[in-house]
Amino acid sequence: MEITWLGHSCFRLRGREAAIVTDPCPKSTGYSIGRLTAAAVTVSHDHPDHSNIAAVTGDPHIVKGPGEFEIAGVVIMGVRTYHDDEQGSELGKNTAFVIEVDDVRVCHLGDLGHVPTPEQVEELSGVDVLLAPVGGGSTIDATAAAETVSLIGPKLVIPMHYKTPAAKAKLEPLDRFLKEMGADGALNERQPKLIVTTSTLPEQTKVLVLDYKGQGA
C-alpha cells in the first residue's frame, strides 16, 4: 500500500484494488490536493477543511460516522470519538476510521480532541499505521498525541494537522510532538510517500514524517 500526505488531515491510501482519500481539504487551508480519484472518501466531521468531497472524482462512496463498511475490497470501520474533551459539547462529534488496505490496518484519527477512552482504545487497537493530529488548536496537542500513541500502540505513526509553511490554520509545529516521542531525528528521514506492507512494518513504534504533496524532501 502507498500512503501519501496531501496536507492538513488529507491522505491518499492506494492499494492494489482501490484508493481511499481521508478528510479532503480545500485550497483555503493552504494546501492544494488537486483532483483525486478514489473508491471511497472518509470524512471525520463536517467542517469544510475536512469535507471537500468535490475534489474527489470517480463517484466515490462517502463514509461518515460509526459503522463497518466494505468498499472495493477495503474494510472501513468508523469509531465514535469527539472533537473536544467534553464529549462533543463544545466542538461536536468526530469519527476515527480504521481502514484495512492490502492487509495493512491504518487508523485515521480525524480531528480527535481528547485522549481516547479505554473503550475507544479497544476498538482502535491492532492498527499498524496511525495517522494522528499533533498540532493542538481544535485537536489534541503534542502531549496528548504522544499519550494516544502509547495507548493505541501502532507500528508506525505519521503526524498530521500541524504547522507547516503552507498551513493557514494556527497550529503548533511538529518538533514538539517529535520531542515528546523522542524522535527528533525523524525530520531528517522524512520522505514524500510511504510504501508499506505487513512484512516491512517495524517491530516497535516508529514515527515517520511525510512531506505534504508538492513539498520537496
C-alpha atoms as a PDB file:
ATOM      1  CA  MET A   1       0.000   0.000   0.000  1.00  0.00           C
ATOM      2  CA  GLU A   2       1.113   3.532  -0.776  1.00  0.00           C
ATOM      3  CA  ILE A   3       0.387   6.362   1.691  1.00  0.00           C
ATOM      4  CA  THR A   4       0.653   9.974   0.527  1.00  0.00           C
ATOM      5  CA  TRP A   5       0.046  13.005   2.738  1.00  0.00           C
ATOM      6  CA  LEU A   6      -1.716  15.678   0.707  1.00  0.00           C
ATOM      7  CA  GLY A   7      -1.771  18.242   3.538  1.00  0.00           C
ATOM      8  CA  HIS A   8      -3.770  19.115   6.651  1.00  0.00           C
ATOM      9  CA  SER A   9      -5.601  15.836   7.513  1.00  0.00           C
ATOM     10  CA  CYS A  10      -5.880  14.573   3.937  1.00  0.00           C
ATOM     11  CA  PHE A  11      -4.188  11.354   2.871  1.00  0.00           C
ATOM     12  CA  ARG A  12      -4.487   9.041  -0.102  1.00  0.00           C
ATOM     13  CA  LEU A  13      -4.216   5.331   0.702  1.00  0.00           C
ATOM     14  CA  ARG A  14      -3.653   3.444  -2.520  1.00  0.00           C
ATOM     15  CA  GLY A  15      -3.827  -0.336  -2.550  1.00  0.00           C
ATOM     16  CA  ARG A  16      -3.790  -2.983  -5.257  1.00  0.00           C
ATOM     17  CA  GLU A  17      -7.537  -2.779  -5.845  1.00  0.00           C
ATOM     18  CA  ALA A  18      -8.639   0.671  -4.717  1.00  0.00           C
ATOM     19  CA  ALA A  19      -7.687   4.093  -3.368  1.00  0.00           C
ATOM     20  CA  ILE A  20      -9.176   5.789  -0.296  1.00  0.00           C
ATOM     21  CA  VAL A  21      -8.994   9.524   0.444  1.00  0.00           C
ATOM     22  CA  THR A  22      -9.345  10.833   4.001  1.00  0.00           C
ATOM     23  CA  ASP A  23     -10.642  14.276   5.024  1.00  0.00           C
ATOM     24  CA  PRO A  24     -10.130  16.094   1.685  1.00  0.00           C
ATOM     25  CA  CYS A  25      -9.286  19.751   2.273  1.00  0.00           C
ATOM     26  CA  PRO A  26      -9.902  22.889   0.183  1.00  0.00           C
ATOM     27  CA  LYS A  27      -7.258  25.365  -1.010  1.00  0.00           C
ATOM     28  CA  SER A  28      -8.272  27.741   1.791  1.00  0.00           C
ATOM     29  CA  THR A  29      -6.282  25.524   4.182  1.00  0.00           C
ATOM     30  CA  GLY A  30      -3.112  26.429   2.269  1.00  0.00           C
ATOM     31  CA  TYR A  31      -2.842  23.032   0.588  1.00  0.00           C
ATOM     32  CA  SER A  32      -3.729  22.139  -2.995  1.00  0.00           C
ATOM     33  CA  ILE A  33      -4.651  18.465  -3.195  1.00  0.00           C
ATOM     34  CA  GLY A  34      -5.569  18.591  -6.883  1.00  0.00           C
ATOM     35  CA  ARG A  35      -8.164  16.318  -8.444  1.00  0.00           C
ATOM     36  CA  LEU A  36      -8.169  12.852  -6.922  1.00  0.00           C
ATOM     37  CA  THR A  37      -9.865   9.607  -7.889  1.00  0.00           C
ATOM     38  CA  ALA A  38     -10.929   7.169  -5.180  1.00  0.00           C
ATOM     39  CA  ALA A  39     -13.337   4.369  -4.402  1.00  0.00           C
ATOM     40  CA  ALA A  40     -14.207   5.933  -1.050  1.00  0.00           C
ATOM     41  CA  VAL A  41     -13.770   9.141   0.922  1.00  0.00           C
ATOM     42  CA  THR A  42     -13.810   9.187   4.711  1.00  0.00           C
ATOM     43  CA  VAL A  43     -14.980  12.363   6.470  1.00  0.00           C
ATOM     44  CA  SER A  44     -14.198  12.622  10.178  1.00  0.00           C
ATOM     45  CA  HIS A  45     -16.559  15.587  10.683  1.00  0.00           C
ATOM     46  CA  ASP A  46     -18.399  18.110   8.548  1.00  0.00           C
ATOM     47  CA  HIS A  47     -16.044  21.074   8.851  1.00  0.00           C
ATOM     48  CA  PRO A  48     -15.233  22.455   5.353  1.00  0.00           C
ATOM     49  CA  ASP A  49     -11.498  21.897   5.914  1.00  0.00           C
ATOM     50  CA  HIS A  50     -12.159  18.158   6.215  1.00  0.00           C
ATOM     51  CA  SER A  51     -15.057  17.507   3.859  1.00  0.00           C
ATOM     52  CA  ASN A  52     -14.117  18.841   0.416  1.00  0.00           C
ATOM     53  CA  ILE A  53     -15.549  15.787  -1.306  1.00  0.00           C
ATOM     54  CA  ALA A  54     -15.994  17.706  -4.583  1.00  0.00           C
ATOM     55  CA  ALA A  55     -12.223  17.349  -5.084  1.00  0.00           C
ATOM     56  CA  VAL A  56     -12.548  13.562  -5.418  1.00  0.00           C
ATOM     57  CA  THR A  57     -13.815  12.042  -8.660  1.00  0.00           C
ATOM     58  CA  GLY A  58     -14.762   8.502  -9.599  1.00  0.00           C
ATOM     59  CA  ASP A  59     -18.168   8.526  -7.902  1.00  0.00           C
ATOM     60  CA  PRO A  60     -16.659   7.578  -4.515  1.00  0.00           C
ATOM     61  CA  HIS A  61     -18.614   6.216  -1.581  1.00  0.00           C
ATOM     62  CA  ILE A  62     -18.730   8.866   1.160  1.00  0.00           C
ATOM     63  CA  VAL A  63     -18.188   7.327   4.579  1.00  0.00           C
ATOM     64  CA  LYS A  64     -19.212   9.317   7.664  1.00  0.00           C
ATOM     65  CA  GLY A  65     -19.862   8.263  11.235  1.00  0.00           C
ATOM     66  CA  PRO A  66     -19.541   4.970  13.103  1.00  0.00           C
ATOM     67  CA  GLY A  67     -20.168   1.599  11.473  1.00  0.00           C
ATOM     68  CA  GLU A  68     -18.452  -1.013   9.346  1.00  0.00           C
ATOM     69  CA  PHE A  69     -18.275  -0.760   5.578  1.00  0.00           C
ATOM     70  CA  GLU A  70     -16.679  -2.780   2.785  1.00  0.00           C
ATOM     71  CA  ILE A  71     -15.949  -0.907  -0.436  1.00  0.00           C
ATOM     72  CA  ALA A  72     -13.968  -2.335  -3.365  1.00  0.00           C
ATOM     73  CA  GLY A  73     -12.345  -4.906  -1.092  1.00  0.00           C
ATOM     74  CA  VAL A  74     -11.386  -2.314   1.527  1.00  0.00           C
ATOM     75  CA  VAL A  75     -12.837  -2.664   5.029  1.00  0.00           C
ATOM     76  CA  ILE A  76     -13.542   0.627   6.823  1.00  0.00           C
ATOM     77  CA  MET A  77     -14.661   0.866  10.452  1.00  0.00           C
ATOM     78  CA  GLY A  78     -15.807   4.163  11.947  1.00  0.00           C
ATOM     79  CA  VAL A  79     -15.359   4.692  15.695  1.00  0.00           C
ATOM     80  CA  ARG A  80     -17.222   7.458  17.536  1.00  0.00           C
ATOM     81  CA  THR A  81     -14.909   9.961  19.202  1.00  0.00           C
ATOM     82  CA  TYR A  82     -15.189  13.688  19.902  1.00  0.00           C
ATOM     83  CA  HIS A  83     -13.750  16.955  18.674  1.00  0.00           C
ATOM     84  CA  ASP A  84     -13.170  18.166  22.238  1.00  0.00           C
ATOM     85  CA  ASP A  85     -12.633  16.736  25.710  1.00  0.00           C
ATOM     86  CA  GLU A  86     -16.221  17.444  26.789  1.00  0.00           C
ATOM     87  CA  GLN A  87     -17.867  14.618  24.765  1.00  0.00           C
ATOM     88  CA  GLY A  88     -18.571  16.946  21.881  1.00  0.00           C
ATOM     89  CA  SER A  89     -20.456  19.615  23.826  1.00  0.00           C
ATOM     90  CA  GLU A  90     -18.098  22.342  22.563  1.00  0.00           C
ATOM     91  CA  LEU A  91     -16.994  21.327  19.052  1.00  0.00           C
ATOM     92  CA  GLY A  92     -19.139  18.295  18.238  1.00  0.00           C
ATOM     93  CA  LYS A  93     -18.507  14.701  17.284  1.00  0.00           C
ATOM     94  CA  ASN A  94     -15.571  13.189  15.415  1.00  0.00           C
ATOM     95  CA  THR A  95     -15.122   9.815  13.749  1.00  0.00           C
ATOM     96  CA  ALA A  96     -11.845   7.902  13.779  1.00  0.00           C
ATOM     97  CA  PHE A  97     -11.569   5.415  10.933  1.00  0.00           C
ATOM     98  CA  VAL A  98      -9.739   2.089  10.828  1.00  0.00           C
ATOM     99  CA  ILE A  99      -9.091   1.273   7.168  1.00  0.00           C
ATOM    100  CA  GLU A 100      -7.689  -2.092   6.080  1.00  0.00           C
ATOM    101  CA  VAL A 101      -5.910  -1.988   2.713  1.00  0.00           C
ATOM    102  CA  ASP A 102      -3.794  -4.893   1.423  1.00  0.00           C
ATOM    103  CA  ASP A 103      -3.801  -6.461   4.935  1.00  0.00           C
ATOM    104  CA  VAL A 104      -2.371  -3.280   6.487  1.00  0.00           C
ATOM    105  CA  ARG A 105      -4.603  -1.606   9.089  1.00  0.00           C
ATOM    106  CA  VAL A 106      -4.451   2.192   9.062  1.00  0.00           C
ATOM    107  CA  CYS A 107      -6.177   4.389  11.641  1.00  0.00           C
ATOM    108  CA  HIS A 108      -7.018   7.999  10.756  1.00  0.00           C
ATOM    109  CA  LEU A 109      -7.934   9.891  13.926  1.00  0.00           C
ATOM    110  CA  GLY A 110      -9.529  12.880  12.175  1.00  0.00           C
ATOM    111  CA  ASP A 111      -9.870  15.923  14.437  1.00  0.00           C
ATOM    112  CA  LEU A 112      -9.648  13.961  17.666  1.00  0.00           C
ATOM    113  CA  GLY A 113      -9.903  16.397  20.571  1.00  0.00           C
ATOM    114  CA  HIS A 114      -9.251  14.114  23.547  1.00  0.00           C
ATOM    115  CA  VAL A 115      -7.204  11.143  24.668  1.00  0.00           C
ATOM    116  CA  PRO A 116      -9.251   8.038  23.749  1.00  0.00           C
ATOM    117  CA  THR A 117     -11.180   6.212  26.448  1.00  0.00           C
ATOM    118  CA  PRO A 118     -10.367   2.552  27.231  1.00  0.00           C
ATOM    119  CA  GLU A 119     -13.411   1.507  25.184  1.00  0.00           C
ATOM    120  CA  GLN A 120     -12.261   3.557  22.199  1.00  0.00           C
ATOM    121  CA  VAL A 121      -8.713   2.263  22.547  1.00  0.00           C
ATOM    122  CA  GLU A 122     -10.047  -1.284  22.383  1.00  0.00           C
ATOM    123  CA  GLU A 123     -11.832  -0.502  19.108  1.00  0.00           C
ATOM    124  CA  LEU A 124      -8.738   1.191  17.683  1.00  0.00           C
ATOM    125  CA  SER A 125      -6.181  -1.363  18.858  1.00  0.00           C
ATOM    126  CA  GLY A 126      -4.313  -3.633  16.495  1.00  0.00           C
ATOM    127  CA  VAL A 127      -3.635  -0.937  13.900  1.00  0.00           C
ATOM    128  CA  ASP A 128      -0.354  -0.918  12.012  1.00  0.00           C
ATOM    129  CA  VAL A 129      -0.211   2.747  10.950  1.00  0.00           C
ATOM    130  CA  LEU A 130      -1.656   5.646  12.951  1.00  0.00           C
ATOM    131  CA  LEU A 131      -2.378   8.990  11.235  1.00  0.00           C
ATOM    132  CA  ALA A 132      -2.508  11.350  14.197  1.00  0.00           C
ATOM    133  CA  PRO A 133      -3.183  15.090  14.634  1.00  0.00           C
ATOM    134  CA  VAL A 134      -0.423  16.619  16.744  1.00  0.00           C
ATOM    135  CA  GLY A 135      -0.724  20.403  16.349  1.00  0.00           C
ATOM    136  CA  GLY A 136      -3.231  21.334  19.032  1.00  0.00           C
ATOM    137  CA  GLY A 137      -5.785  24.040  18.380  1.00  0.00           C
ATOM    138  CA  SER A 138      -9.007  22.171  17.660  1.00  0.00           C
ATOM    139  CA  THR A 139      -7.314  18.771  18.155  1.00  0.00           C
ATOM    140  CA  ILE A 140      -5.068  17.040  20.653  1.00  0.00           C
ATOM    141  CA  ASP A 141      -1.681  18.680  21.188  1.00  0.00           C
ATOM    142  CA  ALA A 142       1.754  17.073  21.197  1.00  0.00           C
ATOM    143  CA  THR A 143       1.487  15.721  24.748  1.00  0.00           C
ATOM    144  CA  ALA A 144      -1.978  14.224  24.282  1.00  0.00           C
ATOM    145  CA  ALA A 145      -0.957  12.837  20.884  1.00  0.00           C
ATOM    146  CA  ALA A 146       2.029  11.049  22.415  1.00  0.00           C
ATOM    147  CA  GLU A 147      -0.231   9.586  25.112  1.00  0.00           C
ATOM    148  CA  THR A 148      -2.699   8.453  22.435  1.00  0.00           C
ATOM    149  CA  VAL A 149       0.098   6.742  20.515  1.00  0.00           C
ATOM    150  CA  SER A 150       1.170   4.949  23.692  1.00  0.00           C
ATOM    151  CA  LEU A 151      -2.380   3.706  24.329  1.00  0.00           C
ATOM    152  CA  ILE A 152      -3.085   2.505  20.772  1.00  0.00           C
ATOM    153  CA  GLY A 153       0.379   1.043  20.168  1.00  0.00           C
ATOM    154  CA  PRO A 154       0.748   1.239  16.364  1.00  0.00           C
ATOM    155  CA  LYS A 155       3.854   0.104  14.469  1.00  0.00           C
ATOM    156  CA  LEU A 156       4.139   3.392  12.564  1.00  0.00           C
ATOM    157  CA  VAL A 157       2.930   6.899  13.450  1.00  0.00           C
ATOM    158  CA  ILE A 158       2.519   9.548  10.754  1.00  0.00           C
ATOM    159  CA  PRO A 159       1.785  13.012  12.199  1.00  0.00           C
ATOM    160  CA  MET A 160      -0.692  15.380  10.526  1.00  0.00           C
ATOM    161  CA  HIS A 161      -2.571  18.623  11.235  1.00  0.00           C
ATOM    162  CA  TYR A 162       0.420  20.680  12.425  1.00  0.00           C
ATOM    163  CA  LYS A 163       2.120  23.917  11.425  1.00  0.00           C
ATOM    164  CA  THR A 164       3.880  23.916   8.042  1.00  0.00           C
ATOM    165  CA  PRO A 165       4.935  26.748   5.699  1.00  0.00           C
ATOM    166  CA  ALA A 166       1.726  26.118   3.725  1.00  0.00           C
ATOM    167  CA  ALA A 167      -0.769  25.776   6.568  1.00  0.00           C
ATOM    168  CA  LYS A 168      -3.212  28.632   7.197  1.00  0.00           C
ATOM    169  CA  ALA A 169      -4.539  27.271  10.492  1.00  0.00           C
ATOM    170  CA  LYS A 170      -2.928  28.323  13.770  1.00  0.00           C
ATOM    171  CA  LEU A 171      -1.262  25.097  14.835  1.00  0.00           C
ATOM    172  CA  GLU A 172       1.785  24.044  16.833  1.00  0.00           C
ATOM    173  CA  PRO A 173       4.951  22.957  14.991  1.00  0.00           C
ATOM    174  CA  LEU A 174       5.866  19.309  14.561  1.00  0.00           C
ATOM    175  CA  ASP A 175       9.018  19.421  16.680  1.00  0.00           C
ATOM    176  CA  ARG A 176       7.012  19.467  19.923  1.00  0.00           C
ATOM    177  CA  PHE A 177       5.466  16.099  19.118  1.00  0.00           C
ATOM    178  CA  LEU A 178       8.768  14.645  17.943  1.00  0.00           C
ATOM    179  CA  LYS A 179      10.360  15.680  21.243  1.00  0.00           C
ATOM    180  CA  GLU A 180       7.506  14.059  23.189  1.00  0.00           C
ATOM    181  CA  MET A 181       8.106  10.850  21.225  1.00  0.00           C
ATOM    182  CA  GLY A 182      11.904  11.007  21.499  1.00  0.00           C
ATOM    183  CA  ALA A 183      12.014  11.053  17.706  1.00  0.00           C
ATOM    184  CA  ASP A 184      13.810  14.326  16.921  1.00  0.00           C
ATOM    185  CA  GLY A 185      15.744  12.638  14.105  1.00  0.00           C
ATOM    186  CA  ALA A 186      12.561  11.767  12.201  1.00  0.00           C
ATOM    187  CA  LEU A 187      12.671  15.106  10.340  1.00  0.00           C
ATOM    188  CA  ASN A 188      15.965  14.132   8.741  1.00  0.00           C
ATOM    189  CA  GLU A 189      14.400  10.923   7.436  1.00  0.00           C
ATOM    190  CA  ARG A 190      11.177  12.391   6.073  1.00  0.00           C
ATOM    191  CA  GLN A 191      10.012  11.150   2.687  1.00  0.00           C
ATOM    192  CA  PRO A 192       7.451  12.096   0.009  1.00  0.00           C
ATOM    193  CA  LYS A 193       5.365   8.941   0.420  1.00  0.00           C
ATOM    194  CA  LEU A 194       5.375   5.602   2.184  1.00  0.00           C
ATOM    195  CA  ILE A 195       5.182   2.167   0.630  1.00  0.00           C
ATOM    196  CA  VAL A 196       4.218  -0.249   3.391  1.00  0.00           C
ATOM    197  CA  THR A 197       3.445  -3.958   3.579  1.00  0.00           C
ATOM    198  CA  THR A 198       2.912  -6.275   6.520  1.00  0.00           C
ATOM    199  CA  SER A 199       6.488  -7.517   6.114  1.00  0.00           C
ATOM    200  CA  THR A 200       8.090  -4.039   6.218  1.00  0.00           C
ATOM    201  CA  LEU A 201       6.416  -2.817   9.412  1.00  0.00           C
ATOM    202  CA  PRO A 202       8.833  -2.165  12.305  1.00  0.00           C
ATOM    203  CA  GLU A 203       8.636  -4.274  15.444  1.00  0.00           C
ATOM    204  CA  GLN A 204       8.463  -1.238  17.750  1.00  0.00           C
ATOM    205  CA  THR A 205       6.568   2.011  17.331  1.00  0.00           C
ATOM    206  CA  LYS A 206       8.329   4.405  14.964  1.00  0.00           C
ATOM    207  CA  VAL A 207       7.454   7.973  13.930  1.00  0.00           C
ATOM    208  CA  LEU A 208       7.628   8.634  10.192  1.00  0.00           C
ATOM    209  CA  VAL A 209       7.333  12.168   8.806  1.00  0.00           C
ATOM    210  CA  LEU A 210       5.861  12.606   5.331  1.00  0.00           C
ATOM    211  CA  ASP A 211       6.225  15.691   3.163  1.00  0.00           C
ATOM    212  CA  TYR A 212       2.939  17.090   2.002  1.00  0.00           C
ATOM    213  CA  LYS A 213       2.213  16.945  -1.728  1.00  0.00           C
ATOM    214  CA  GLY A 214       4.394  19.285  -3.749  1.00  0.00           C
ATOM    215  CA  GLN A 215       6.977  19.827  -0.999  1.00  0.00           C
ATOM    216  CA  GLY A 216      10.494  18.673  -1.695  1.00  0.00           C
ATOM    217  CA  ALA A 217      12.215  16.240   0.616  1.00  0.00           C
END
